[in-house]
Amino acid sequence: MFDRKKLKSLNEVMLLEHQRDWDFLVKKLIQKGLDTDTLLDQIGAFQIAIPSWALGTGGTRFGRFPQGGEPSTLEDKIKDVGIIHALNQSSGAISLHIPWDIPKNYKAIENLANGLDIKFDAVNSNTFQDQIDSNHSYKFGSLCHVDVGVRKEAIRHNKEVIDHGIQLGSKALTVWLADGSSFAGQHSFRGAFQRTLESLEEIYDHLPSDWKLLIEYKPFEPNFYSMVIPDWGTSHLLASKLGDQATTLVDLGHHLPNTNIEQIVALLMHLNKLGGFHFNDSKYGDDDLTVGAIKPYQLFLIFCELVQGMRETSNPELSWMIDASHNLKDPMEDLLQSVESIKIAYARALLVDYDRLKATQSQNDVAAAQSILQEAFRIDVRPLVKESIYRRGGAIDALGAYRSLDIRNQLMAARGHDSKSTGL
């Protein structure tokens, strides 16, 4: 399905124009005193995991419109990530969602992934839906539930997810809870928090010593009066009480409109408690749009804090992942665009003169500080990102190559026009 000879031919067609753009940018970067080889190494090494549930067509509460050729098995999901990674050389990991992605044969799955240069990122538990073999219902919560039997089932599920991850070489568990209330007085805020903490303590005790627990937060949905973990402060409080292996996970769509996410990132890194990211974009809420489609400057500012934090703090190594639900686009095209936007934001953030920025901050020179950031943001770094991918054997134009290689039609021919992905 993926013909490397054809990819080489596609690159050769684009090489002359790309080389011209790259040469022009190199001169500009050298004038700024930047080492292009170091930049290429940093950008090339930056990998963003693909979530297994994003390989199928997403949907809304009102409908879902599958495009055909979607992966209905874990094997097919890994193969799809392999195609994405072969094109962009930037997606060398997959994040699994249990119970949809339980391997039937761990060794065969591991061999398949290794053959495609794919690792297993954080594993994700699911207590926001009732499963076929559930003895209890999560309708009124899971880890926070007033019924100890429900809590025990949710705890057991999370422990099982860890066990599956251990078999595949994963090193992190992500917990997102739909727990909350839709009506005032429905539950006790303090009681729900305490029960959640006690449940997480049992899960935390099951973690291997080299694992981390990523605690996600969300201000609303599916409950709109209150969520048990509504914000980064609550997540950080839980992580702090649990121990050093517990951290906060930031999903860019899990904030109220106009929230200063870059400030949240800076503070969590200052406290050494930022565990990772779920990248997406939004206009109003948890829209799960293509990364960079709405707020590219905010994404850049977030990466500015990340770049500084990675240099100046002792924050643990971060988990990078996309979390999207594309109901209009070809899922793989959306993922290719998202990864490119992330790497562009990262590349721009690497160009900022942070010493100069700190000097302007110490002098309260507001205009100069703004200019330093915007100067880096306005540089067209696409040739830098493309060159880093090309040198690693990927496509100069990943999306264009995906279309020219006719991947989606090949997937539909192999899997059928009615094939639907498992999961969300």
Protein backbone atom coordinates (compact mmCIF):
# COMPACT_ATOMS: atom_id res chain seq x y z
CA MET A 1 0.00 0.00 0.00
CA PHE A 2 2.89 2.35 0.73
CA ASP A 3 5.31 2.47 -2.20
CA ARG A 4 8.61 4.09 -1.20
CA LYS A 5 9.72 4.36 -4.82
CA LYS A 6 6.67 6.49 -5.58
CA LEU A 7 7.37 8.59 -2.49
CA LYS A 8 10.92 9.14 -3.70
CA SER A 9 9.59 10.25 -7.09
CA LEU A 10 7.15 12.66 -5.43
CA ASN A 11 9.99 14.15 -3.39
CA GLU A 12 12.16 14.56 -6.48
CA VAL A 13 9.42 16.60 -8.16
CA MET A 14 9.26 18.96 -5.18
CA LEU A 15 12.95 19.02 -4.31
CA LEU A 16 14.06 21.99 -6.43
CA GLU A 17 11.39 24.34 -5.01
CA HIS A 18 11.93 23.05 -1.49
CA GLN A 19 15.70 23.49 -1.76
CA ARG A 20 15.23 27.10 -2.85
CA ASP A 21 12.95 27.80 0.13
CA TRP A 22 15.29 25.99 2.50
CA ASP A 23 18.39 27.87 1.29
CA PHE A 24 16.59 31.18 1.77
CA LEU A 25 15.59 30.27 5.33
CA VAL A 26 19.06 28.96 6.22
CA LYS A 27 20.60 32.36 5.44
CA LYS A 28 18.06 34.07 7.67
CA LEU A 29 18.61 31.63 10.54
CA ILE A 30 22.41 31.92 10.31
CA GLN A 31 22.09 35.73 10.40
CA LYS A 32 20.22 35.29 13.69
CA GLY A 33 23.05 33.19 15.07
CA LEU A 34 21.09 29.94 15.03
CA ASP A 35 22.61 26.51 14.39
CA THR A 36 20.50 24.88 11.67
CA ASP A 37 21.83 21.37 12.31
CA THR A 38 20.81 21.58 15.96
CA LEU A 39 17.37 22.85 14.99
CA LEU A 40 16.93 20.03 12.48
CA ASP A 41 17.89 17.46 15.11
CA GLN A 42 15.49 18.91 17.69
CA ILE A 43 12.56 19.15 15.31
CA GLY A 44 13.23 15.78 13.70
CA ALA A 45 13.39 14.01 17.06
CA PHE A 46 10.09 15.50 18.23
CA GLN A 47 7.45 12.76 18.02
CA ILE A 48 3.68 13.11 18.53
CA ALA A 49 1.66 9.99 19.33
CA ILE A 50 -1.48 9.14 17.37
CA PRO A 51 -4.49 7.99 19.42
CA SER A 52 -6.10 4.79 18.18
CA TRP A 53 -9.59 6.34 18.31
CA ALA A 54 -8.64 9.20 15.97
CA LEU A 55 -8.03 6.89 13.00
CA GLY A 56 -11.76 6.58 12.35
CA THR A 57 -14.26 9.27 11.48
CA GLY A 58 -15.35 11.18 14.55
CA GLY A 59 -18.79 12.54 15.13
CA THR A 60 -21.11 14.78 17.06
CA ARG A 61 -24.09 14.00 19.25
CA PHE A 62 -26.20 14.15 16.10
CA GLY A 63 -24.40 11.94 13.63
CA ARG A 64 -21.34 10.21 12.33
CA PHE A 65 -20.39 9.89 8.68
CA PRO A 66 -17.71 7.21 8.15
CA GLN A 67 -15.63 7.50 4.98
CA GLY A 68 -14.82 3.84 4.47
CA GLY A 69 -11.56 1.97 4.77
CA GLU A 70 -11.45 2.62 8.50
CA PRO A 71 -9.44 0.32 10.80
CA SER A 72 -11.74 -2.12 12.59
CA THR A 73 -8.94 -4.03 14.33
CA LEU A 74 -5.95 -3.04 16.44
CA GLU A 75 -3.67 -4.40 13.75
CA ASP A 76 -5.20 -2.08 11.16
CA LYS A 77 -4.93 0.89 13.50
CA ILE A 78 -1.23 0.27 13.96
CA LYS A 79 -0.78 -0.07 10.19
CA ASP A 80 -2.52 3.28 9.67
CA VAL A 81 -0.19 4.94 12.16
CA GLY A 82 2.65 3.27 10.27
CA ILE A 83 1.51 5.01 7.07
CA ILE A 84 1.29 8.38 8.82
CA HIS A 85 4.73 7.92 10.36
CA ALA A 86 6.27 6.81 7.07
CA LEU A 87 5.01 10.03 5.50
CA ASN A 88 5.87 12.53 8.25
CA GLN A 89 8.55 10.69 10.30
CA SER A 90 6.97 12.39 13.31
CA SER A 91 4.33 9.97 14.59
CA GLY A 92 6.30 7.05 15.91
CA ALA A 93 3.87 6.09 18.67
CA ILE A 94 0.26 5.02 19.15
CA SER A 95 -1.88 5.58 22.23
CA LEU A 96 -4.35 2.77 22.92
CA HIS A 97 -7.81 3.00 24.48
CA ILE A 98 -8.95 0.05 26.55
CA PRO A 99 -11.22 -1.96 26.21
CA TRP A 100 -11.36 -1.27 22.45
CA ASP A 101 -7.68 -2.05 21.86
CA ILE A 102 -6.97 -5.17 23.91
CA PRO A 103 -4.47 -7.32 21.99
CA LYS A 104 -5.31 -10.95 21.33
CA ASN A 105 -1.63 -11.71 20.90
CA TYR A 106 0.74 -9.27 22.60
CA LYS A 107 3.87 -10.55 20.89
CA ALA A 108 2.33 -10.36 17.41
CA ILE A 109 1.11 -6.80 18.08
CA GLU A 110 4.51 -5.79 19.44
CA ASN A 111 6.29 -7.28 16.40
CA LEU A 112 3.92 -5.49 14.02
CA ALA A 113 4.53 -2.16 15.75
CA ASN A 114 8.29 -2.65 15.87
CA GLY A 115 8.35 -3.42 12.15
CA LEU A 116 6.70 -0.07 11.48
CA ASP A 117 8.93 1.82 13.96
CA ILE A 118 5.92 2.41 16.24
CA LYS A 119 6.07 2.51 20.05
CA PHE A 120 3.20 2.41 22.53
CA ASP A 121 2.49 5.69 24.26
CA ALA A 122 0.16 6.17 27.26
CA VAL A 123 -2.73 3.73 27.61
CA ASN A 124 -6.16 5.20 28.28
CA SER A 125 -8.90 3.82 30.51
CA ASN A 126 -12.64 4.18 29.85
CA THR A 127 -15.06 4.69 32.73
CA PHE A 128 -17.25 7.16 30.85
CA GLN A 129 -19.20 4.37 29.13
CA ASP A 130 -20.73 1.13 30.39
CA GLN A 131 -19.06 -1.92 28.88
CA ILE A 132 -20.80 -5.11 27.79
CA ASP A 133 -19.35 -7.15 30.65
CA SER A 134 -19.89 -4.45 33.32
CA ASN A 135 -21.59 -5.49 36.54
CA HIS A 136 -22.40 -1.89 37.42
CA SER A 137 -23.25 1.33 35.61
CA TYR A 138 -21.18 4.54 35.47
CA LYS A 139 -24.30 6.65 34.92
CA PHE A 140 -23.74 8.50 38.21
CA GLY A 141 -19.95 8.36 38.22
CA SER A 142 -17.08 5.90 38.43
CA LEU A 143 -14.17 6.64 40.78
CA CYS A 144 -16.36 9.11 42.68
CA HIS A 145 -19.49 6.93 42.88
CA VAL A 146 -21.31 6.62 46.20
CA ASP A 147 -21.56 2.86 45.65
CA VAL A 148 -18.31 1.17 46.63
CA GLY A 149 -19.05 -1.65 44.18
CA VAL A 150 -19.02 0.76 41.24
CA ARG A 151 -15.79 2.33 42.46
CA LYS A 152 -14.13 -1.07 42.82
CA GLU A 153 -15.09 -2.01 39.26
CA ALA A 154 -13.67 1.28 37.92
CA ILE A 155 -10.48 0.79 39.94
CA ARG A 156 -10.12 -2.79 38.70
CA HIS A 157 -10.54 -1.61 35.10
CA ASN A 158 -7.76 0.96 35.46
CA LYS A 159 -5.45 -1.64 36.97
CA GLU A 160 -6.18 -3.95 34.04
CA VAL A 161 -5.35 -1.14 31.62
CA ILE A 162 -1.98 -0.75 33.33
CA ASP A 163 -1.40 -4.50 32.98
CA HIS A 164 -2.16 -4.36 29.25
CA GLY A 165 0.24 -1.43 28.89
CA ILE A 166 3.03 -3.25 30.69
CA GLN A 167 2.80 -6.09 28.17
CA LEU A 168 3.30 -3.64 25.29
CA GLY A 169 6.02 -1.45 26.79
CA SER A 170 3.87 1.57 27.57
CA LYS A 171 4.99 3.77 30.47
CA ALA A 172 1.92 5.82 31.39
CA LEU A 173 -1.77 5.64 32.22
CA THR A 174 -4.10 8.49 31.31
CA VAL A 175 -7.24 8.88 33.40
CA TRP A 176 -10.06 11.13 32.26
CA LEU A 177 -13.25 11.03 34.30
CA ALA A 178 -16.73 11.95 33.12
CA ASP A 179 -17.69 12.04 36.81
CA GLY A 180 -19.70 15.03 37.90
CA SER A 181 -23.24 16.30 38.35
CA SER A 182 -25.85 17.99 36.20
CA PHE A 183 -28.02 19.36 38.99
CA ALA A 184 -27.31 21.35 42.13
CA GLY A 185 -27.45 19.13 45.15
CA GLN A 186 -27.00 15.97 43.11
CA HIS A 187 -23.87 15.02 45.04
CA SER A 188 -21.51 16.32 47.69
CA PHE A 189 -18.54 18.17 46.16
CA ARG A 190 -16.29 17.24 49.08
CA GLY A 191 -17.49 13.66 49.20
CA ALA A 192 -17.03 13.13 45.44
CA PHE A 193 -13.49 14.57 45.58
CA GLN A 194 -12.48 12.41 48.55
CA ARG A 195 -13.84 9.22 46.99
CA THR A 196 -12.01 10.03 43.74
CA LEU A 197 -8.76 10.60 45.61
CA GLU A 198 -9.07 7.32 47.48
CA SER A 199 -9.84 5.47 44.22
CA LEU A 200 -6.85 7.05 42.48
CA GLU A 201 -4.63 6.06 45.41
CA GLU A 202 -5.44 2.39 44.77
CA ILE A 203 -4.71 2.80 41.05
CA TYR A 204 -1.50 4.70 41.80
CA ASP A 205 -0.27 1.89 44.05
CA HIS A 206 -0.59 -0.47 41.06
CA LEU A 207 1.77 1.61 38.88
CA PRO A 208 5.22 0.17 38.09
CA SER A 209 8.03 2.35 39.45
CA ASP A 210 8.97 3.64 35.97
CA TRP A 211 5.41 4.63 35.02
CA LYS A 212 3.53 7.88 35.41
CA LEU A 213 -0.14 8.64 35.98
CA LEU A 214 -1.59 11.42 33.82
CA ILE A 215 -4.66 13.06 35.36
CA GLU A 216 -6.80 14.89 32.83
CA TYR A 217 -9.31 17.62 33.64
CA LYS A 218 -12.31 19.19 31.94
CA PRO A 219 -14.63 22.04 33.05
CA PHE A 220 -17.80 20.59 31.54
CA GLU A 221 -19.23 17.70 29.52
CA PRO A 222 -20.88 15.31 29.93
CA ASN A 223 -21.95 16.99 33.18
CA PHE A 224 -22.69 20.69 32.96
CA TYR A 225 -23.26 21.71 36.59
CA SER A 226 -20.00 20.35 37.99
CA MET A 227 -17.14 18.03 37.11
CA VAL A 228 -15.16 16.26 39.82
CA ILE A 229 -11.87 17.27 38.13
CA PRO A 230 -12.86 20.55 36.40
CA ASP A 231 -9.52 22.35 36.14
CA TRP A 232 -5.75 22.11 36.31
CA GLY A 233 -5.72 23.10 39.97
CA THR A 234 -7.87 20.13 40.99
CA SER A 235 -5.79 17.80 38.82
CA HIS A 236 -2.59 19.17 40.34
CA LEU A 237 -3.99 18.82 43.86
CA LEU A 238 -4.79 15.15 43.23
CA ALA A 239 -1.39 14.53 41.61
CA SER A 240 0.41 16.20 44.52
CA LYS A 241 -1.41 14.06 47.06
CA LEU A 242 -0.69 10.87 45.11
CA GLY A 243 3.07 11.26 44.66
CA ASP A 244 5.91 12.02 42.26
CA GLN A 245 4.67 9.64 39.54
CA ALA A 246 1.35 11.48 39.23
CA THR A 247 1.16 14.50 36.92
CA THR A 248 -1.38 16.72 35.17
CA LEU A 249 -2.32 16.21 31.53
CA VAL A 250 -3.36 19.30 29.54
CA ASP A 251 -5.92 18.84 26.77
CA LEU A 252 -6.06 22.08 24.78
CA GLY A 253 -9.82 21.72 24.29
CA HIS A 254 -10.56 21.18 27.98
CA HIS A 255 -10.76 24.83 28.98
CA LEU A 256 -13.35 27.54 29.11
CA PRO A 257 -13.10 30.04 26.21
CA ASN A 258 -10.10 32.42 26.36
CA THR A 259 -8.36 30.55 29.19
CA ASN A 260 -4.65 31.40 29.36
CA ILE A 261 -3.36 27.87 28.70
CA GLU A 262 0.25 28.99 28.31
CA GLN A 263 0.21 30.30 31.89
CA ILE A 264 -1.13 26.96 33.13
CA VAL A 265 1.68 25.19 31.27
CA ALA A 266 4.31 27.50 32.76
CA LEU A 267 3.12 27.01 36.34
CA LEU A 268 2.80 23.22 36.05
CA MET A 269 6.33 22.98 34.66
CA HIS A 270 7.58 25.27 37.43
CA LEU A 271 6.07 22.77 39.90
CA ASN A 272 7.50 19.78 37.94
CA LYS A 273 3.97 18.43 37.53
CA LEU A 274 3.21 18.72 33.80
CA GLY A 275 2.83 15.21 32.44
CA GLY A 276 1.78 15.67 28.84
CA PHE A 277 -0.55 17.05 26.21
CA HIS A 278 -3.59 16.20 24.16
CA PHE A 279 -3.33 18.52 21.17
CA ASN A 280 -6.36 19.84 19.29
CA ASP A 281 -8.03 23.18 18.62
CA SER A 282 -11.36 24.73 19.50
CA LYS A 283 -13.60 27.73 19.00
CA TYR A 284 -16.08 27.33 21.85
CA GLY A 285 -15.41 24.20 23.89
CA ASP A 286 -14.03 20.72 23.36
CA ASP A 287 -14.40 21.00 19.58
CA ASP A 288 -11.48 18.60 18.92
CA LEU A 289 -10.59 20.43 15.70
CA THR A 290 -7.37 20.12 13.68
CA VAL A 291 -4.46 21.50 15.70
CA GLY A 292 -3.69 25.09 14.72
CA ALA A 293 -6.89 25.51 12.72
CA ILE A 294 -8.27 28.28 14.96
CA LYS A 295 -5.59 29.55 17.38
CA PRO A 296 -2.11 29.10 15.91
CA TYR A 297 -0.62 32.01 17.90
CA GLN A 298 -1.82 30.51 21.19
CA LEU A 299 -0.23 27.19 20.19
CA PHE A 300 3.04 29.03 19.55
CA LEU A 301 2.87 30.78 22.95
CA ILE A 302 2.26 27.44 24.65
CA PHE A 303 5.37 26.03 22.97
CA CYS A 304 7.37 29.06 24.06
CA GLU A 305 6.60 28.11 27.66
CA LEU A 306 7.35 24.47 26.93
CA VAL A 307 10.74 25.23 25.35
CA GLN A 308 11.73 27.44 28.28
CA GLY A 309 10.39 24.95 30.80
CA MET A 310 12.27 22.04 29.26
CA ARG A 311 15.49 24.06 29.53
CA GLU A 312 15.02 25.58 32.97
CA THR A 313 12.98 23.15 35.09
CA SER A 314 13.24 19.57 36.29
CA ASN A 315 9.83 18.67 34.91
CA PRO A 316 9.63 14.99 33.89
CA GLU A 317 9.72 13.96 30.24
CA LEU A 318 6.42 14.85 28.57
CA SER A 319 3.94 12.69 26.68
CA TRP A 320 2.81 14.27 23.40
CA MET A 321 -0.42 13.13 21.77
CA ILE A 322 -3.21 14.33 19.53
CA ASP A 323 -6.84 14.05 20.64
CA ALA A 324 -9.18 14.85 17.78
CA SER A 325 -12.62 13.93 16.53
CA HIS A 326 -12.90 14.86 12.89
CA ASN A 327 -16.40 14.29 11.50
CA LEU A 328 -15.79 16.10 8.20
CA LYS A 329 -12.24 15.26 7.07
CA ASP A 330 -10.43 12.10 6.16
CA PRO A 331 -9.02 11.18 9.61
CA MET A 332 -5.52 10.53 8.33
CA GLU A 333 -5.41 13.84 6.46
CA ASP A 334 -6.52 15.62 9.61
CA LEU A 335 -3.80 13.90 11.64
CA LEU A 336 -1.11 14.77 9.10
CA GLN A 337 -2.19 18.42 9.22
CA SER A 338 -2.27 18.42 13.03
CA VAL A 339 1.22 16.97 13.39
CA GLU A 340 2.57 19.51 10.92
CA SER A 341 0.98 22.39 12.87
CA ILE A 342 2.47 21.13 16.12
CA LYS A 343 5.96 20.91 14.64
CA ILE A 344 5.65 24.36 13.08
CA ALA A 345 4.70 25.83 16.48
CA TYR A 346 7.61 24.00 18.12
CA ALA A 347 10.04 25.18 15.43
CA ARG A 348 8.95 28.80 15.84
CA ALA A 349 9.34 28.56 19.60
CA LEU A 350 12.92 27.31 19.15
CA LEU A 351 13.76 30.50 17.23
CA VAL A 352 12.85 32.87 20.07
CA ASP A 353 15.79 34.68 21.68
CA TYR A 354 14.85 33.92 25.28
CA ASP A 355 17.86 35.72 26.78
CA ARG A 356 16.84 38.87 24.97
CA LEU A 357 13.22 38.32 26.00
CA LYS A 358 14.21 38.05 29.67
CA ALA A 359 16.24 41.25 29.38
CA THR A 360 13.21 43.14 28.07
CA GLN A 361 11.06 41.63 30.82
CA SER A 362 13.51 42.78 33.49
CA GLN A 363 13.25 46.31 32.08
CA ASN A 364 9.45 46.21 31.73
CA ASP A 365 9.88 46.90 28.03
CA VAL A 366 6.49 45.63 26.92
CA ALA A 367 6.69 46.58 23.24
CA ALA A 368 10.10 44.95 22.80
CA ALA A 369 8.97 41.73 24.49
CA GLN A 370 5.96 41.51 22.20
CA SER A 371 8.11 42.16 19.14
CA ILE A 372 10.56 39.39 20.04
CA LEU A 373 7.77 36.82 20.19
CA GLN A 374 6.00 38.03 17.07
CA GLU A 375 9.24 38.19 15.12
CA ALA A 376 9.73 34.45 15.64
CA PHE A 377 6.07 33.66 14.99
CA ARG A 378 6.11 35.46 11.62
CA ILE A 379 9.04 33.48 10.24
CA ASP A 380 7.94 30.86 7.72
CA VAL A 381 9.50 27.76 9.27
CA ARG A 382 7.79 25.27 6.98
CA PRO A 383 11.02 24.64 5.00
CA LEU A 384 12.76 23.85 8.31
CA VAL A 385 10.09 21.33 9.30
CA LYS A 386 10.00 19.80 5.81
CA GLU A 387 13.79 19.50 5.67
CA SER A 388 13.85 17.71 9.04
CA ILE A 389 11.29 15.21 7.75
CA TYR A 390 12.93 14.79 4.35
CA ARG A 391 16.32 14.02 5.93
CA ARG A 392 14.68 11.22 7.93
CA GLY A 393 13.15 9.64 4.82
CA GLY A 394 9.69 11.19 4.92
CA ALA A 395 7.69 13.22 2.43
CA ILE A 396 8.47 16.86 1.71
CA ASP A 397 4.71 17.34 1.46
CA ALA A 398 3.09 14.64 3.62
CA LEU A 399 -0.52 15.52 2.85
CA GLY A 400 0.19 15.87 -0.86
CA ALA A 401 1.96 12.51 -0.88
CA TYR A 402 -0.93 10.86 0.96
CA ARG A 403 -3.28 12.04 -1.77
CA SER A 404 -0.96 11.28 -4.66
CA LEU A 405 -0.40 7.74 -3.35
CA ASP A 406 -4.20 7.37 -3.20
CA ILE A 407 -4.02 5.87 0.30
CA ARG A 408 -7.70 6.28 1.24
CA ASN A 409 -8.97 4.53 -1.89
CA GLN A 410 -6.48 1.73 -1.31
CA LEU A 411 -7.75 1.38 2.26
CA MET A 412 -11.35 1.25 1.05
CA ALA A 413 -10.45 -1.37 -1.54
CA ALA A 414 -8.76 -3.49 1.12
CA ARG A 415 -11.25 -3.02 3.97
CA GLY A 416 -14.47 -2.08 2.26
CA HIS A 417 -16.52 1.10 1.92
CA ASP A 418 -18.54 0.26 5.03
CA SER A 419 -15.60 -0.44 7.34
CA LYS A 420 -15.93 1.51 10.60
CA SER A 421 -13.32 2.05 13.28
CA THR A 422 -13.90 0.69 16.76
CA GLY A 423 -14.01 3.09 19.67
CA LEU A 424 -15.43 6.57 19.92
